[in-house]
PDB file of N, CA and C in Angstrom:
ATOM      1  N   MET A   1      84.122 107.656 117.952  1.00  0.00           N
ATOM      2  CA  MET A   1      83.893 106.560 117.023  1.00  0.00           C
ATOM      3  C   MET A   1      85.127 106.362 116.158  1.00  0.00           C
ATOM      4  N   ASN A   2      85.628 105.175 116.132  1.00  0.00           N
ATOM      5  CA  ASN A   2      86.815 104.864 115.350  1.00  0.00           C
ATOM      6  C   ASN A   2      86.383 104.374 113.967  1.00  0.00           C
ATOM      7  N   GLU A   3      86.607 105.195 112.948  1.00  0.00           N
ATOM      8  CA  GLU A   3      86.171 104.847 111.601  1.00  0.00           C
ATOM      9  C   GLU A   3      87.304 104.188 110.818  1.00  0.00           C
ATOM     10  N   THR A   4      86.954 103.159 110.072  1.00  0.00           N
ATOM     11  CA  THR A   4      87.907 102.564 109.153  1.00  0.00           C
ATOM     12  C   THR A   4      87.787 103.318 107.842  1.00  0.00           C
ATOM     13  N   LYS A   5      88.918 103.815 107.317  1.00  0.00           N
ATOM     14  CA  LYS A   5      88.901 104.597 106.094  1.00  0.00           C
ATOM     15  C   LYS A   5      89.647 103.869 104.985  1.00  0.00           C
ATOM     16  N   HIS A   6      89.128 104.028 103.789  1.00  0.00           N
ATOM     17  CA  HIS A   6      89.756 103.476 102.591  1.00  0.00           C
ATOM     18  C   HIS A   6      89.865 104.612 101.584  1.00  0.00           C
ATOM     19  N   THR A   7      90.834 104.541 100.676  1.00  0.00           N
ATOM     20  CA  THR A   7      91.014 105.627  99.722  1.00  0.00           C
ATOM     21  C   THR A   7      90.917 105.117  98.290  1.00  0.00           C
ATOM     22  N   LEU A   8      90.452 106.015  97.423  1.00  0.00           N
ATOM     23  CA  LEU A   8      90.380 105.746  95.992  1.00  0.00           C
ATOM     24  C   LEU A   8      90.905 106.971  95.272  1.00  0.00           C
ATOM     25  N   ASP A   9      91.938 106.800  94.459  1.00  0.00           N
ATOM     26  CA  ASP A   9      92.502 107.888  93.678  1.00  0.00           C
ATOM     27  C   ASP A   9      91.947 107.789  92.262  1.00  0.00           C
ATOM     28  N   ALA A  10      90.992 108.675  91.937  1.00  0.00           N
ATOM     29  CA  ALA A  10      90.377 108.675  90.609  1.00  0.00           C
ATOM     30  C   ALA A  10      90.840 109.892  89.803  1.00  0.00           C
ATOM     31  N   ARG A  11      91.961 110.491  90.206  1.00  0.00           N
ATOM     32  CA  ARG A  11      92.474 111.651  89.484  1.00  0.00           C
ATOM     33  C   ARG A  11      92.887 111.246  88.077  1.00  0.00           C
ATOM     34  N   GLY A  12      92.564 112.103  87.114  1.00  0.00           N
ATOM     35  CA  GLY A  12      92.927 111.844  85.730  1.00  0.00           C
ATOM     36  C   GLY A  12      91.927 110.963  84.990  1.00  0.00           C
ATOM     37  N   LEU A  13      90.942 110.431  85.698  1.00  0.00           N
ATOM     38  CA  LEU A  13      89.935 109.583  85.059  1.00  0.00           C
ATOM     39  C   LEU A  13      88.719 110.420  84.688  1.00  0.00           C
ATOM     40  N   ASN A  14      88.156 110.157  83.520  1.00  0.00           N
ATOM     41  CA  ASN A  14      86.966 110.878  83.073  1.00  0.00           C
ATOM     42  C   ASN A  14      85.735 110.007  83.224  1.00  0.00           C
ATOM     43  N   CYS A  15      84.591 110.662  83.275  1.00  0.00           N
ATOM     44  CA  CYS A  15      83.302 109.995  83.381  1.00  0.00           C
ATOM     45  C   CYS A  15      83.206 108.900  82.307  1.00  0.00           C
ATOM     46  N   PRO A  16      82.760 107.715  82.656  1.00  0.00           N
ATOM     47  CA  PRO A  16      82.143 107.316  83.923  1.00  0.00           C
ATOM     48  C   PRO A  16      83.092 106.607  84.878  1.00  0.00           C
ATOM     49  N   LEU A  17      84.394 106.619  84.615  1.00  0.00           N
ATOM     50  CA  LEU A  17      85.316 105.823  85.437  1.00  0.00           C
ATOM     51  C   LEU A  17      85.331 106.178  86.924  1.00  0.00           C
ATOM     52  N   PRO A  18      85.316 107.461  87.330  1.00  0.00           N
ATOM     53  CA  PRO A  18      85.318 107.721  88.784  1.00  0.00           C
ATOM     54  C   PRO A  18      84.134 107.079  89.503  1.00  0.00           C
ATOM     55  N   ILE A  19      82.952 107.157  88.915  1.00  0.00           N
ATOM     56  CA  ILE A  19      81.774 106.587  89.565  1.00  0.00           C
ATOM     57  C   ILE A  19      81.823 105.058  89.554  1.00  0.00           C
ATOM     58  N   LEU A  20      82.305 104.478  88.473  1.00  0.00           N
ATOM     59  CA  LEU A  20      82.403 103.013  88.402  1.00  0.00           C
ATOM     60  C   LEU A  20      83.410 102.479  89.413  1.00  0.00           C
ATOM     61  N   ARG A  21      84.537 103.148  89.547  1.00  0.00           N
ATOM     62  CA  ARG A  21      85.555 102.715  90.525  1.00  0.00           C
ATOM     63  C   ARG A  21      85.046 102.908  91.948  1.00  0.00           C
ATOM     64  N   THR A  22      84.300 103.998  92.170  1.00  0.00           N
ATOM     65  CA  THR A  22      83.726 104.243  93.500  1.00  0.00           C
ATOM     66  C   THR A  22      82.730 103.148  93.849  1.00  0.00           C
ATOM     67  N   LYS A  23      81.873 102.810  92.897  1.00  0.00           N
ATOM     68  CA  LYS A  23      80.865 101.763  93.124  1.00  0.00           C
ATOM     69  C   LYS A  23      81.541 100.445  93.500  1.00  0.00           C
ATOM     70  N   LYS A  24      82.602 100.099  92.793  1.00  0.00           N
ATOM     71  CA  LYS A  24      83.329  98.853  93.057  1.00  0.00           C
ATOM     72  C   LYS A  24      84.001  98.898  94.439  1.00  0.00           C
ATOM     73  N   ALA A  25      84.610 100.040  94.764  1.00  0.00           N
ATOM     74  CA  ALA A  25      85.302 100.174  96.055  1.00  0.00           C
ATOM     75  C   ALA A  25      84.316 100.126  97.220  1.00  0.00           C
ATOM     76  N   ILE A  26      83.172 100.783  97.072  1.00  0.00           N
ATOM     77  CA  ILE A  26      82.141 100.792  98.132  1.00  0.00           C
ATOM     78  C   ILE A  26      81.614  99.378  98.367  1.00  0.00           C
ATOM     79  N   ALA A  27      81.450  98.626  97.289  1.00  0.00           N
ATOM     80  CA  ALA A  27      80.911  97.258  97.399  1.00  0.00           C
ATOM     81  C   ALA A  27      81.794  96.371  98.281  1.00  0.00           C
ATOM     82  N   ALA A  28      83.098  96.661  98.315  1.00  0.00           N
ATOM     83  CA  ALA A  28      84.036  95.841  99.085  1.00  0.00           C
ATOM     84  C   ALA A  28      84.096  96.225 100.565  1.00  0.00           C
ATOM     85  N   LEU A  29      83.415  97.320 100.939  1.00  0.00           N
ATOM     86  CA  LEU A  29      83.481  97.796 102.320  1.00  0.00           C
ATOM     87  C   LEU A  29      82.372  97.213 103.187  1.00  0.00           C
ATOM     88  N   ALA A  30      82.612  97.238 104.482  1.00  0.00           N
ATOM     89  CA  ALA A  30      81.580  96.861 105.450  1.00  0.00           C
ATOM     90  C   ALA A  30      80.746  98.103 105.766  1.00  0.00           C
ATOM     91  N   SER A  31      79.531  97.896 106.202  1.00  0.00           N
ATOM     92  CA  SER A  31      78.646  98.993 106.557  1.00  0.00           C
ATOM     93  C   SER A  31      79.312  99.897 107.591  1.00  0.00           C
ATOM     94  N   GLY A  32      79.237 101.218 107.357  1.00  0.00           N
ATOM     95  CA  GLY A  32      79.814 102.182 108.284  1.00  0.00           C
ATOM     96  C   GLY A  32      81.225 102.608 107.942  1.00  0.00           C
ATOM     97  N   GLU A  33      81.892 101.869 107.075  1.00  0.00           N
ATOM     98  CA  GLU A  33      83.253 102.246 106.705  1.00  0.00           C
ATOM     99  C   GLU A  33      83.226 103.448 105.760  1.00  0.00           C
ATOM    100  N   ILE A  34      84.331 104.192 105.749  1.00  0.00           N
ATOM    101  CA  ILE A  34      84.448 105.424 104.966  1.00  0.00           C
ATOM    102  C   ILE A  34      85.352 105.189 103.751  1.00  0.00           C
ATOM    103  N   LEU A  35      84.900 105.694 102.598  1.00  0.00           N
ATOM    104  CA  LEU A  35      85.728 105.699 101.392  1.00  0.00           C
ATOM    105  C   LEU A  35      86.053 107.150 101.081  1.00  0.00           C
ATOM    106  N   GLU A  36      87.347 107.454 100.979  1.00  0.00           N
ATOM    107  CA  GLU A  36      87.787 108.793 100.614  1.00  0.00           C
ATOM    108  C   GLU A  36      88.189 108.757  99.148  1.00  0.00           C
ATOM    109  N   VAL A  37      87.532 109.588  98.345  1.00  0.00           N
ATOM    110  CA  VAL A  37      87.747 109.601  96.896  1.00  0.00           C
ATOM    111  C   VAL A  37      88.343 110.945  96.494  1.00  0.00           C
ATOM    112  N   THR A  38      89.406 110.910  95.695  1.00  0.00           N
ATOM    113  CA  THR A  38      89.990 112.108  95.106  1.00  0.00           C
ATOM    114  C   THR A  38      89.801 112.000  93.605  1.00  0.00           C
ATOM    115  N   ALA A  39      89.238 113.060  93.001  1.00  0.00           N
ATOM    116  CA  ALA A  39      88.962 113.039  91.566  1.00  0.00           C
ATOM    117  C   ALA A  39      89.269 114.398  90.950  1.00  0.00           C
ATOM    118  N   THR A  40      89.497 114.418  89.638  1.00  0.00           N
ATOM    119  CA  THR A  40      89.721 115.674  88.931  1.00  0.00           C
ATOM    120  C   THR A  40      88.598 115.982  87.947  1.00  0.00           C
ATOM    121  N   ASP A  41      87.751 115.020  87.645  1.00  0.00           N
ATOM    122  CA  ASP A  41      86.649 115.220  86.704  1.00  0.00           C
ATOM    123  C   ASP A  41      85.550 116.047  87.377  1.00  0.00           C
ATOM    124  N   PRO A  42      85.242 117.264  86.847  1.00  0.00           N
ATOM    125  CA  PRO A  42      84.197 118.091  87.456  1.00  0.00           C
ATOM    126  C   PRO A  42      82.838 117.390  87.511  1.00  0.00           C
ATOM    127  N   GLY A  43      82.577 116.481  86.603  1.00  0.00           N
ATOM    128  CA  GLY A  43      81.321 115.738  86.599  1.00  0.00           C
ATOM    129  C   GLY A  43      81.179 114.802  87.779  1.00  0.00           C
ATOM    130  N   SER A  44      82.287 114.479  88.431  1.00  0.00           N
ATOM    131  CA  SER A  44      82.230 113.551  89.562  1.00  0.00           C
ATOM    132  C   SER A  44      81.457 114.133  90.736  1.00  0.00           C
ATOM    133  N   VAL A  45      81.385 115.461  90.844  1.00  0.00           N
ATOM    134  CA  VAL A  45      80.649 116.088  91.946  1.00  0.00           C
ATOM    135  C   VAL A  45      79.179 115.683  91.870  1.00  0.00           C
ATOM    136  N   LYS A  46      78.566 115.905  90.730  1.00  0.00           N
ATOM    137  CA  LYS A  46      77.155 115.562  90.542  1.00  0.00           C
ATOM    138  C   LYS A  46      76.961 114.045  90.537  1.00  0.00           C
ATOM    139  N   ASP A  47      77.869 113.335  89.870  1.00  0.00           N
ATOM    140  CA  ASP A  47      77.752 111.879  89.760  1.00  0.00           C
ATOM    141  C   ASP A  47      77.798 111.199  91.124  1.00  0.00           C
ATOM    142  N   LEU A  48      78.754 111.576  91.959  1.00  0.00           N
ATOM    143  CA  LEU A  48      78.885 110.922  93.265  1.00  0.00           C
ATOM    144  C   LEU A  48      77.749 111.313  94.204  1.00  0.00           C
ATOM    145  N   ASP A  49      77.254 112.540  94.083  1.00  0.00           N
ATOM    146  CA  ASP A  49      76.105 112.954  94.885  1.00  0.00           C
ATOM    147  C   ASP A  49      74.881 112.118  94.507  1.00  0.00           C
ATOM    148  N   SER A  50      74.661 111.945  93.210  1.00  0.00           N
ATOM    149  CA  SER A  50      73.541 111.121  92.729  1.00  0.00           C
ATOM    150  C   SER A  50      73.717 109.668  93.152  1.00  0.00           C
ATOM    151  N   PHE A  51      74.941 109.164  93.050  1.00  0.00           N
ATOM    152  CA  PHE A  51      75.238 107.786  93.456  1.00  0.00           C
ATOM    153  C   PHE A  51      74.838 107.564  94.908  1.00  0.00           C
ATOM    154  N   CYS A  52      75.209 108.495  95.790  1.00  0.00           N
ATOM    155  CA  CYS A  52      74.882 108.352  97.207  1.00  0.00           C
ATOM    156  C   CYS A  52      73.370 108.397  97.424  1.00  0.00           C
ATOM    157  N   SER A  53      72.695 109.311  96.738  1.00  0.00           N
ATOM    158  CA  SER A  53      71.241 109.413  96.872  1.00  0.00           C
ATOM    159  C   SER A  53      70.548 108.129  96.444  1.00  0.00           C
ATOM    160  N   GLN A  54      71.013 107.542  95.362  1.00  0.00           N
ATOM    161  CA  GLN A  54      70.374 106.348  94.814  1.00  0.00           C
ATOM    162  C   GLN A  54      70.692 105.083  95.594  1.00  0.00           C
ATOM    163  N   THR A  55      71.852 105.037  96.241  1.00  0.00           N
ATOM    164  CA  THR A  55      72.279 103.805  96.905  1.00  0.00           C
ATOM    165  C   THR A  55      72.088 103.840  98.423  1.00  0.00           C
ATOM    166  N   GLY A  56      71.776 105.020  98.976  1.00  0.00           N
ATOM    167  CA  GLY A  56      71.599 105.123 100.423  1.00  0.00           C
ATOM    168  C   GLY A  56      72.891 105.308 101.186  1.00  0.00           C
ATOM    169  N   ASN A  57      74.019 105.406 100.482  1.00  0.00           N
ATOM    170  CA  ASN A  57      75.284 105.700 101.151  1.00  0.00           C
ATOM    171  C   ASN A  57      75.290 107.177 101.525  1.00  0.00           C
ATOM    172  N   GLU A  58      76.070 107.541 102.533  1.00  0.00           N
ATOM    173  CA  GLU A  58      76.075 108.918 103.030  1.00  0.00           C
ATOM    174  C   GLU A  58      77.271 109.692 102.502  1.00  0.00           C
ATOM    175  N   MET A  59      76.998 110.843 101.859  1.00  0.00           N
ATOM    176  CA  MET A  59      78.065 111.757 101.455  1.00  0.00           C
ATOM    177  C   MET A  59      78.420 112.561 102.697  1.00  0.00           C
ATOM    178  N   VAL A  60      79.502 112.175 103.357  1.00  0.00           N
ATOM    179  CA  VAL A  60      79.912 112.825 104.592  1.00  0.00           C
ATOM    180  C   VAL A  60      80.447 114.224 104.285  1.00  0.00           C
ATOM    181  N   SER A  61      81.252 114.337 103.219  1.00  0.00           N
ATOM    182  CA  SER A  61      81.755 115.641 102.806  1.00  0.00           C
ATOM    183  C   SER A  61      82.110 115.619 101.333  1.00  0.00           C
ATOM    184  N   SER A  62      82.023 116.796 100.726  1.00  0.00           N
ATOM    185  CA  SER A  62      82.350 116.994  99.324  1.00  0.00           C
ATOM    186  C   SER A  62      83.028 118.349  99.227  1.00  0.00           C
ATOM    187  N   GLU A  63      84.303 118.357  98.831  1.00  0.00           N
ATOM    188  CA  GLU A  63      85.067 119.605  98.816  1.00  0.00           C
ATOM    189  C   GLU A  63      85.773 119.785  97.484  1.00  0.00           C
ATOM    190  N   ALA A  64      85.817 121.033  97.026  1.00  0.00           N
ATOM    191  CA  ALA A  64      86.586 121.368  95.824  1.00  0.00           C
ATOM    192  C   ALA A  64      87.915 121.958  96.283  1.00  0.00           C
ATOM    193  N   HIS A  65      89.008 121.452  95.720  1.00  0.00           N
ATOM    194  CA  HIS A  65      90.345 121.961  96.020  1.00  0.00           C
ATOM    195  C   HIS A  65      90.975 122.436  94.716  1.00  0.00           C
ATOM    196  N   GLU A  66      92.089 123.106  94.829  1.00  0.00           N
ATOM    197  CA  GLU A  66      92.796 123.599  93.650  1.00  0.00           C
ATOM    198  C   GLU A  66      93.139 122.479  92.676  1.00  0.00           C
ATOM    199  N   ASP A  67      93.496 121.336  93.217  1.00  0.00           N
ATOM    200  CA  ASP A  67      93.946 120.220  92.373  1.00  0.00           C
ATOM    201  C   ASP A  67      92.880 119.150  92.152  1.00  0.00           C
ATOM    202  N   GLY A  68      91.621 119.461  92.475  1.00  0.00           N
ATOM    203  CA  GLY A  68      90.570 118.479  92.223  1.00  0.00           C
ATOM    204  C   GLY A  68      89.485 118.501  93.282  1.00  0.00           C
ATOM    205  N   PHE A  69      88.855 117.358  93.442  1.00  0.00           N
ATOM    206  CA  PHE A  69      87.705 117.228  94.342  1.00  0.00           C
ATOM    207  C   PHE A  69      87.970 116.107  95.337  1.00  0.00           C
ATOM    208  N   PHE A  70      87.468 116.275  96.554  1.00  0.00           N
ATOM    209  CA  PHE A  70      87.689 115.304  97.617  1.00  0.00           C
ATOM    210  C   PHE A  70      86.344 114.952  98.240  1.00  0.00           C
ATOM    211  N   PHE A  71      86.064 113.664  98.310  1.00  0.00           N
ATOM    212  CA  PHE A  71      84.785 113.187  98.835  1.00  0.00           C
ATOM    213  C   PHE A  71      85.020 112.182  99.951  1.00  0.00           C
ATOM    214  N   ARG A  72      84.142 112.206 100.937  1.00  0.00           N
ATOM    215  CA  ARG A  72      84.141 111.162 101.983  1.00  0.00           C
ATOM    216  C   ARG A  72      82.747 110.555 101.966  1.00  0.00           C
ATOM    217  N   ILE A  73      82.697 109.254 101.722  1.00  0.00           N
ATOM    218  CA  ILE A  73      81.419 108.545 101.604  1.00  0.00           C
ATOM    219  C   ILE A  73      81.382 107.420 102.638  1.00  0.00           C
ATOM    220  N   ARG A  74      80.301 107.381 103.427  1.00  0.00           N
ATOM    221  CA  ARG A  74      80.128 106.300 104.412  1.00  0.00           C
ATOM    222  C   ARG A  74      79.166 105.273 103.830  1.00  0.00           C
ATOM    223  N   LYS A  75      79.612 104.020 103.799  1.00  0.00           N
ATOM    224  CA  LYS A  75      78.759 102.955 103.275  1.00  0.00           C
ATOM    225  C   LYS A  75      77.567 102.722 104.190  1.00  0.00           C
ATOM    226  N   ALA A  76      76.420 102.577 103.581  1.00  0.00           N
ATOM    227  CA  ALA A  76      75.177 102.335 104.330  1.00  0.00           C
ATOM    228  C   ALA A  76      75.212 100.967 104.982  1.00  0.00           C
TER     229      ALA A  76
END
């Protein structure tokens, strides 16, 4: 399956900006496309997980790295 990927750099942004930018970026995607989000706010882990649960988008992966957090979200 050939996935179209888009990226969002939310590093340095504090709540609620990572989730607001993610919501805006996801809205611009077609169903099935992937948004890759990089963030440094520890609250983004819970926020983005809740966002996916509430909107029906799929959290493909959620990883913690030394320099922040990396998420892959597939639009429903």
